[in-house]
Amino acid sequence: MSDPNALPISDPLRHTAKIQTRLTDLAEHLREDVKKVDEPQAKALFETSAEVLLGLRNAFADYEKGDEDAWQHN
Protein backbone atom coordinates (compact mmCIF):
# COMPACT_ATOMS: atom_id res chain seq x y z
CA MET A 1 0.00 0.00 0.00
CA SER A 2 1.48 3.31 -1.04
CA ASP A 3 -0.04 5.77 1.45
CA PRO A 4 -2.45 4.44 4.05
CA ASN A 5 -3.24 8.01 5.10
CA ALA A 6 -4.94 8.53 1.74
CA LEU A 7 -7.62 6.04 2.80
CA PRO A 8 -10.64 7.12 4.85
CA ILE A 9 -10.16 6.78 8.59
CA SER A 10 -13.01 4.25 8.66
CA ASP A 11 -11.17 1.94 6.22
CA PRO A 12 -9.53 -0.94 8.14
CA LEU A 13 -6.71 -1.07 5.56
CA ARG A 14 -5.56 2.38 6.67
CA HIS A 15 -4.99 0.95 10.13
CA THR A 16 -3.68 -2.49 9.19
CA ALA A 17 -0.94 -0.94 7.04
CA LYS A 18 0.22 1.30 9.88
CA ILE A 19 0.16 -1.54 12.39
CA GLN A 20 2.22 -3.76 10.07
CA THR A 21 4.86 -1.04 9.87
CA ARG A 22 5.02 -0.70 13.64
CA LEU A 23 5.22 -4.46 14.16
CA THR A 24 8.07 -4.69 11.64
CA ASP A 25 9.91 -1.79 13.27
CA LEU A 26 9.59 -3.33 16.72
CA ALA A 27 10.75 -6.75 15.50
CA GLU A 28 13.80 -5.15 13.88
CA HIS A 29 14.54 -3.25 17.09
CA LEU A 30 14.37 -6.48 19.08
CA ARG A 31 16.72 -8.23 16.67
CA GLU A 32 19.20 -5.37 16.95
CA ASP A 33 19.00 -5.63 20.73
CA VAL A 34 19.88 -9.35 20.53
CA LYS A 35 23.32 -8.21 19.33
CA LYS A 36 23.70 -5.78 22.24
CA VAL A 37 23.05 -8.07 25.22
CA ASP A 38 25.11 -10.94 26.55
CA GLU A 39 22.54 -12.82 28.60
CA PRO A 40 21.29 -15.89 26.67
CA GLN A 41 17.82 -15.68 28.21
CA ALA A 42 17.42 -12.06 27.08
CA LYS A 43 18.64 -12.95 23.60
CA ALA A 44 16.07 -15.77 23.43
CA LEU A 45 13.32 -13.49 24.72
CA PHE A 46 14.09 -10.78 22.16
CA GLU A 47 14.38 -13.22 19.25
CA THR A 48 11.21 -15.07 20.22
CA SER A 49 9.35 -11.78 20.59
CA ALA A 50 10.53 -10.68 17.14
CA GLU A 51 9.25 -13.94 15.62
CA VAL A 52 5.86 -13.57 17.31
CA LEU A 53 5.53 -9.97 16.11
CA LEU A 54 6.40 -10.94 12.54
CA GLY A 55 3.83 -13.71 12.67
CA LEU A 56 1.26 -11.18 13.81
CA ARG A 57 2.33 -8.84 11.02
CA ASN A 58 1.76 -11.67 8.57
CA ALA A 59 -1.75 -12.14 9.95
CA PHE A 60 -2.46 -8.47 9.23
CA ALA A 61 -1.07 -8.89 5.70
CA ASP A 62 -3.26 -11.97 5.17
CA TYR A 63 -6.26 -9.95 6.30
CA GLU A 64 -5.45 -7.27 3.73
CA LYS A 65 -5.14 -9.87 0.96
CA GLY A 66 -8.14 -11.88 2.15
CA ASP A 67 -6.08 -15.07 1.75
CA GLU A 68 -7.27 -16.86 4.84
CA ASP A 69 -10.77 -18.29 5.24
CA ALA A 70 -11.20 -16.35 8.48
CA TRP A 71 -10.81 -13.06 6.61
CA GLN A 72 -13.32 -13.82 3.87
CA HIS A 73 -16.31 -11.51 3.76
CA ASN A 74 -19.60 -13.37 3.60
C-alpha atoms as a PDB file:
ATOM      1  CA  MET A   1       0.000   0.000   0.000  1.00  0.00           C
ATOM      2  CA  SER A   2       1.480   3.312  -1.042  1.00  0.00           C
ATOM      3  CA  ASP A   3      -0.042   5.774   1.450  1.00  0.00           C
ATOM      4  CA  PRO A   4      -2.450   4.444   4.054  1.00  0.00           C
ATOM      5  CA  ASN A   5      -3.238   8.010   5.104  1.00  0.00           C
ATOM      6  CA  ALA A   6      -4.943   8.528   1.744  1.00  0.00           C
ATOM      7  CA  LEU A   7      -7.623   6.038   2.798  1.00  0.00           C
ATOM      8  CA  PRO A   8     -10.640   7.117   4.845  1.00  0.00           C
ATOM      9  CA  ILE A   9     -10.161   6.781   8.586  1.00  0.00           C
ATOM     10  CA  SER A  10     -13.008   4.254   8.657  1.00  0.00           C
ATOM     11  CA  ASP A  11     -11.173   1.939   6.224  1.00  0.00           C
ATOM     12  CA  PRO A  12      -9.526  -0.937   8.136  1.00  0.00           C
ATOM     13  CA  LEU A  13      -6.714  -1.074   5.561  1.00  0.00           C
ATOM     14  CA  ARG A  14      -5.564   2.378   6.670  1.00  0.00           C
ATOM     15  CA  HIS A  15      -4.994   0.948  10.131  1.00  0.00           C
ATOM     16  CA  THR A  16      -3.678  -2.493   9.194  1.00  0.00           C
ATOM     17  CA  ALA A  17      -0.944  -0.940   7.043  1.00  0.00           C
ATOM     18  CA  LYS A  18       0.218   1.303   9.880  1.00  0.00           C
ATOM     19  CA  ILE A  19       0.160  -1.536  12.393  1.00  0.00           C
ATOM     20  CA  GLN A  20       2.221  -3.755  10.071  1.00  0.00           C
ATOM     21  CA  THR A  21       4.865  -1.040   9.866  1.00  0.00           C
ATOM     22  CA  ARG A  22       5.016  -0.699  13.637  1.00  0.00           C
ATOM     23  CA  LEU A  23       5.221  -4.456  14.159  1.00  0.00           C
ATOM     24  CA  THR A  24       8.068  -4.692  11.641  1.00  0.00           C
ATOM     25  CA  ASP A  25       9.912  -1.788  13.270  1.00  0.00           C
ATOM     26  CA  LEU A  26       9.587  -3.326  16.723  1.00  0.00           C
ATOM     27  CA  ALA A  27      10.746  -6.748  15.500  1.00  0.00           C
ATOM     28  CA  GLU A  28      13.796  -5.149  13.881  1.00  0.00           C
ATOM     29  CA  HIS A  29      14.536  -3.254  17.092  1.00  0.00           C
ATOM     30  CA  LEU A  30      14.370  -6.484  19.084  1.00  0.00           C
ATOM     31  CA  ARG A  31      16.722  -8.229  16.673  1.00  0.00           C
ATOM     32  CA  GLU A  32      19.202  -5.370  16.947  1.00  0.00           C
ATOM     33  CA  ASP A  33      19.003  -5.629  20.733  1.00  0.00           C
ATOM     34  CA  VAL A  34      19.881  -9.346  20.526  1.00  0.00           C
ATOM     35  CA  LYS A  35      23.316  -8.214  19.334  1.00  0.00           C
ATOM     36  CA  LYS A  36      23.697  -5.783  22.242  1.00  0.00           C
ATOM     37  CA  VAL A  37      23.048  -8.067  25.224  1.00  0.00           C
ATOM     38  CA  ASP A  38      25.115 -10.941  26.551  1.00  0.00           C
ATOM     39  CA  GLU A  39      22.537 -12.823  28.595  1.00  0.00           C
ATOM     40  CA  PRO A  40      21.294 -15.887  26.675  1.00  0.00           C
ATOM     41  CA  GLN A  41      17.819 -15.676  28.207  1.00  0.00           C
ATOM     42  CA  ALA A  42      17.416 -12.056  27.082  1.00  0.00           C
ATOM     43  CA  LYS A  43      18.640 -12.951  23.603  1.00  0.00           C
ATOM     44  CA  ALA A  44      16.073 -15.767  23.435  1.00  0.00           C
ATOM     45  CA  LEU A  45      13.317 -13.491  24.720  1.00  0.00           C
ATOM     46  CA  PHE A  46      14.093 -10.785  22.160  1.00  0.00           C
ATOM     47  CA  GLU A  47      14.375 -13.220  19.247  1.00  0.00           C
ATOM     48  CA  THR A  48      11.206 -15.070  20.220  1.00  0.00           C
ATOM     49  CA  SER A  49       9.353 -11.780  20.590  1.00  0.00           C
ATOM     50  CA  ALA A  50      10.528 -10.683  17.141  1.00  0.00           C
ATOM     51  CA  GLU A  51       9.254 -13.939  15.623  1.00  0.00           C
ATOM     52  CA  VAL A  52       5.861 -13.565  17.308  1.00  0.00           C
ATOM     53  CA  LEU A  53       5.531  -9.968  16.110  1.00  0.00           C
ATOM     54  CA  LEU A  54       6.404 -10.940  12.537  1.00  0.00           C
ATOM     55  CA  GLY A  55       3.829 -13.707  12.674  1.00  0.00           C
ATOM     56  CA  LEU A  56       1.257 -11.181  13.814  1.00  0.00           C
ATOM     57  CA  ARG A  57       2.327  -8.838  11.022  1.00  0.00           C
ATOM     58  CA  ASN A  58       1.756 -11.674   8.565  1.00  0.00           C
ATOM     59  CA  ALA A  59      -1.754 -12.141   9.953  1.00  0.00           C
ATOM     60  CA  PHE A  60      -2.463  -8.466   9.226  1.00  0.00           C
ATOM     61  CA  ALA A  61      -1.073  -8.889   5.695  1.00  0.00           C
ATOM     62  CA  ASP A  62      -3.257 -11.969   5.169  1.00  0.00           C
ATOM     63  CA  TYR A  63      -6.265  -9.954   6.304  1.00  0.00           C
ATOM     64  CA  GLU A  64      -5.451  -7.272   3.733  1.00  0.00           C
ATOM     65  CA  LYS A  65      -5.142  -9.867   0.960  1.00  0.00           C
ATOM     66  CA  GLY A  66      -8.139 -11.877   2.148  1.00  0.00           C
ATOM     67  CA  ASP A  67      -6.082 -15.066   1.748  1.00  0.00           C
ATOM     68  CA  GLU A  68      -7.275 -16.859   4.845  1.00  0.00           C
ATOM     69  CA  ASP A  69     -10.775 -18.292   5.236  1.00  0.00           C
ATOM     70  CA  ALA A  70     -11.203 -16.349   8.480  1.00  0.00           C
ATOM     71  CA  TRP A  71     -10.806 -13.063   6.607  1.00  0.00           C
ATOM     72  CA  GLN A  72     -13.319 -13.819   3.870  1.00  0.00           C
ATOM     73  CA  HIS A  73     -16.310 -11.507   3.764  1.00  0.00           C
ATOM     74  CA  ASN A  74     -19.595 -13.365   3.603  1.00  0.00           C
END
